[in-house]
Amino acid sequence: MPTKKETTRKKTAATTKPALRVATHRASVKGSKAAHAKRPEHDDPAAVDRLIRDMEHTLQSLVSTIRAAILKACPAATEGVKWNSPSFYLRGWFATVNTHRSNTVLVVLHCGAKPRDASALKGLVPDDARLLHWHSADRASIAFTSETEFASRRSAFGKIVKAWAAAQAQQHDDE
């Protein structure tokens, strides 16, 4: 004779839509943590908030300012913690704020962790202010050492981030 739990499962399965049944099954397989579904890595602003709040960096406020500027330049982007740093995602990771040096905040613009053959962005991203330091055809960085320096370059920075995210996202679409 079936237990009460088995009978309930059968009734639920019979009355639930197929897609929901799969999701419910996956949740039950994962156990109690499923009730507190984890956000995707690339869409976790609370984790970025915690990371910035807890960082011990002389330019902590600059990190927050840069974060806001990136999200303003690319409103469709999401953010998360990747490589233990605030990182930004639009159909793929495209920017990471590196705070490994105590007197500099480095914004690394990239096309994810691994280079791709078709990821040459060097000619696609306008840089009239010459802020970008190119490391390869798909990776560049911009260093800031103060809020004042960032404020003077904010407009050019926003244009670069917007163009980079758009070009990188287009390449992901083309793959």
Protein backbone atom coordinates (compact mmCIF):
# COMPACT_ATOMS: atom_id res chain seq x y z
CA MET A 1 0.00 0.00 0.00
CA PRO A 2 1.45 3.43 -0.97
CA THR A 3 2.41 5.82 1.78
CA LYS A 4 0.70 9.19 2.17
CA LYS A 5 3.78 10.90 0.74
CA GLU A 6 3.77 8.70 -2.40
CA THR A 7 0.02 9.27 -2.91
CA THR A 8 0.51 13.05 -2.65
CA ARG A 9 3.36 12.93 -5.17
CA LYS A 10 1.18 10.99 -7.64
CA LYS A 11 -1.69 13.49 -7.28
CA THR A 12 0.68 16.44 -7.67
CA ALA A 13 2.33 14.91 -10.74
CA ALA A 14 -1.04 14.26 -12.38
CA THR A 15 -2.26 17.83 -11.90
CA THR A 16 0.99 19.73 -12.54
CA LYS A 17 2.14 20.98 -15.92
CA PRO A 18 5.11 19.00 -17.38
CA ALA A 19 7.60 21.88 -17.15
CA LEU A 20 6.67 22.54 -13.54
CA ARG A 21 6.95 18.81 -12.75
CA VAL A 22 10.54 18.80 -14.04
CA ALA A 23 11.40 21.89 -12.00
CA THR A 24 9.70 20.42 -8.93
CA HIS A 25 11.57 17.15 -9.39
CA ARG A 26 14.90 18.95 -9.75
CA ALA A 27 14.14 20.94 -6.63
CA SER A 28 13.26 17.83 -4.64
CA VAL A 29 16.44 16.10 -5.80
CA LYS A 30 18.58 19.00 -4.60
CA GLY A 31 17.03 18.88 -1.15
CA SER A 32 16.22 21.65 1.27
CA LYS A 33 18.51 24.19 -0.40
CA ALA A 34 16.08 24.26 -3.34
CA ALA A 35 13.64 26.26 -1.25
CA HIS A 36 16.27 29.02 -1.21
CA ALA A 37 17.07 28.99 -4.92
CA LYS A 38 20.49 30.42 -5.63
CA ARG A 39 20.62 33.27 -8.10
CA PRO A 40 22.69 32.77 -11.23
CA GLU A 41 26.31 33.75 -10.70
CA HIS A 42 25.98 36.58 -13.21
CA ASP A 43 22.88 38.09 -11.61
CA ASP A 44 23.72 38.55 -7.95
CA PRO A 45 23.96 42.24 -7.02
CA ALA A 46 23.65 41.37 -3.32
CA ALA A 47 26.90 39.40 -3.54
CA VAL A 48 28.58 42.40 -5.17
CA ASP A 49 27.20 44.65 -2.42
CA ARG A 50 28.69 42.35 0.23
CA LEU A 51 32.02 42.09 -1.55
CA ILE A 52 32.41 45.87 -1.84
CA ARG A 53 31.13 46.50 1.70
CA ASP A 54 33.60 43.99 3.16
CA MET A 55 36.64 44.92 1.06
CA GLU A 56 39.54 46.61 2.73
CA HIS A 57 40.79 48.81 -0.07
CA THR A 58 41.88 52.42 0.02
CA LEU A 59 39.73 53.10 -3.06
CA GLN A 60 36.58 51.26 -1.94
CA SER A 61 34.33 54.22 -2.80
CA LEU A 62 35.89 54.38 -6.27
CA VAL A 63 34.94 50.73 -6.82
CA SER A 64 31.31 51.64 -6.05
CA THR A 65 31.49 54.63 -8.39
CA ILE A 66 32.91 52.52 -11.22
CA ARG A 67 30.25 49.87 -10.62
CA ALA A 68 27.50 52.46 -10.95
CA ALA A 69 29.08 53.89 -14.11
CA ILE A 70 29.27 50.46 -15.76
CA LEU A 71 25.63 49.69 -14.94
CA LYS A 72 24.58 53.12 -16.21
CA ALA A 73 26.52 52.69 -19.46
CA CYS A 74 25.05 49.24 -20.01
CA PRO A 75 21.64 49.00 -18.29
CA ALA A 76 20.97 45.51 -19.69
CA ALA A 77 24.08 44.15 -17.96
CA THR A 78 23.87 42.09 -14.80
CA GLU A 79 26.53 41.76 -12.15
CA GLY A 80 28.01 39.13 -9.92
CA VAL A 81 31.18 38.09 -8.19
CA LYS A 82 33.58 36.37 -10.56
CA TRP A 83 37.28 35.86 -9.89
CA ASN A 84 36.61 37.30 -6.40
CA SER A 85 35.87 40.69 -7.99
CA PRO A 86 32.79 42.66 -9.08
CA SER A 87 32.13 41.49 -12.63
CA PHE A 88 29.58 42.36 -15.29
CA TYR A 89 27.68 40.16 -17.73
CA LEU A 90 25.81 40.67 -20.99
CA ARG A 91 25.46 37.35 -22.85
CA GLY A 92 28.89 36.66 -21.36
CA TRP A 93 31.28 38.21 -18.83
CA PHE A 94 32.69 41.44 -20.25
CA ALA A 95 34.15 43.50 -17.39
CA THR A 96 35.84 42.85 -14.07
CA VAL A 97 36.89 45.40 -11.45
CA ASN A 98 40.27 44.33 -10.13
CA THR A 99 41.38 45.65 -6.73
CA HIS A 100 44.53 43.61 -6.24
CA ARG A 101 46.75 46.69 -6.06
CA SER A 102 46.19 48.92 -3.04
CA ASN A 103 46.56 52.24 -4.89
CA THR A 104 44.77 51.39 -8.16
CA VAL A 105 41.44 50.11 -9.37
CA LEU A 106 41.82 48.31 -12.67
CA VAL A 107 38.81 47.75 -14.90
CA VAL A 108 39.55 44.75 -17.11
CA LEU A 109 37.43 44.55 -20.25
CA HIS A 110 37.39 41.06 -21.74
CA CYS A 111 35.36 38.42 -23.55
CA GLY A 112 35.22 35.91 -20.70
CA ALA A 113 37.91 33.74 -19.17
CA LYS A 114 39.12 32.08 -22.35
CA PRO A 115 40.05 33.86 -25.58
CA ARG A 116 37.98 33.02 -28.62
CA ASP A 117 39.15 33.16 -32.21
CA ALA A 118 36.49 35.68 -33.20
CA SER A 119 36.92 37.92 -30.16
CA ALA A 120 39.06 40.67 -31.66
CA LEU A 121 37.53 43.86 -30.29
CA LYS A 122 40.55 46.09 -30.72
CA GLY A 123 39.22 47.76 -33.85
CA LEU A 124 35.58 47.76 -32.76
CA VAL A 125 35.78 49.85 -29.57
CA PRO A 126 36.39 53.56 -30.06
CA ASP A 127 38.88 55.05 -27.61
CA ASP A 128 39.35 58.71 -28.53
CA ALA A 129 40.60 59.49 -25.00
CA ARG A 130 43.18 56.68 -25.24
CA LEU A 131 42.19 55.14 -21.91
CA LEU A 132 42.53 51.53 -22.98
CA HIS A 133 45.69 49.56 -22.40
CA TRP A 134 45.44 46.57 -24.77
CA HIS A 135 46.73 43.22 -23.51
CA SER A 136 45.48 41.21 -26.49
CA ALA A 137 42.89 41.55 -29.27
CA ASP A 138 40.10 40.64 -26.82
CA ARG A 139 41.38 42.07 -23.52
CA ALA A 140 42.12 45.62 -22.39
CA SER A 141 42.20 47.51 -19.12
CA ILE A 142 41.75 50.98 -17.73
CA ALA A 143 43.44 51.99 -14.47
CA PHE A 144 42.18 54.63 -12.05
CA THR A 145 44.05 55.90 -9.00
CA SER A 146 41.50 58.36 -7.58
CA GLU A 147 37.90 59.52 -7.65
CA THR A 148 39.09 62.78 -9.23
CA GLU A 149 40.83 60.96 -12.07
CA PHE A 150 37.75 58.82 -12.68
CA ALA A 151 35.46 61.87 -12.65
CA SER A 152 37.55 63.54 -15.34
CA ARG A 153 37.34 60.43 -17.55
CA ARG A 154 33.84 59.25 -16.68
CA SER A 155 32.20 60.19 -19.98
CA ALA A 156 34.89 58.51 -22.11
CA PHE A 157 34.82 55.48 -19.79
CA GLY A 158 31.04 55.12 -20.20
CA LYS A 159 31.33 55.22 -24.00
CA ILE A 160 34.05 52.55 -23.97
CA VAL A 161 32.09 50.25 -21.65
CA LYS A 162 28.92 50.64 -23.73
CA ALA A 163 30.76 49.89 -26.99
CA TRP A 164 32.69 46.97 -25.47
CA ALA A 165 29.59 45.32 -24.01
CA ALA A 166 27.68 45.72 -27.28
CA ALA A 167 30.53 44.31 -29.40
CA GLN A 168 31.14 41.42 -27.03
CA ALA A 169 27.43 40.58 -26.85
CA GLN A 170 27.20 40.69 -30.66
CA GLN A 171 30.06 38.22 -30.91
CA HIS A 172 28.26 35.89 -28.50
CA ASP A 173 25.15 36.13 -30.68
CA ASP A 174 27.21 35.32 -33.79
CA GLU A 175 28.69 32.16 -32.28
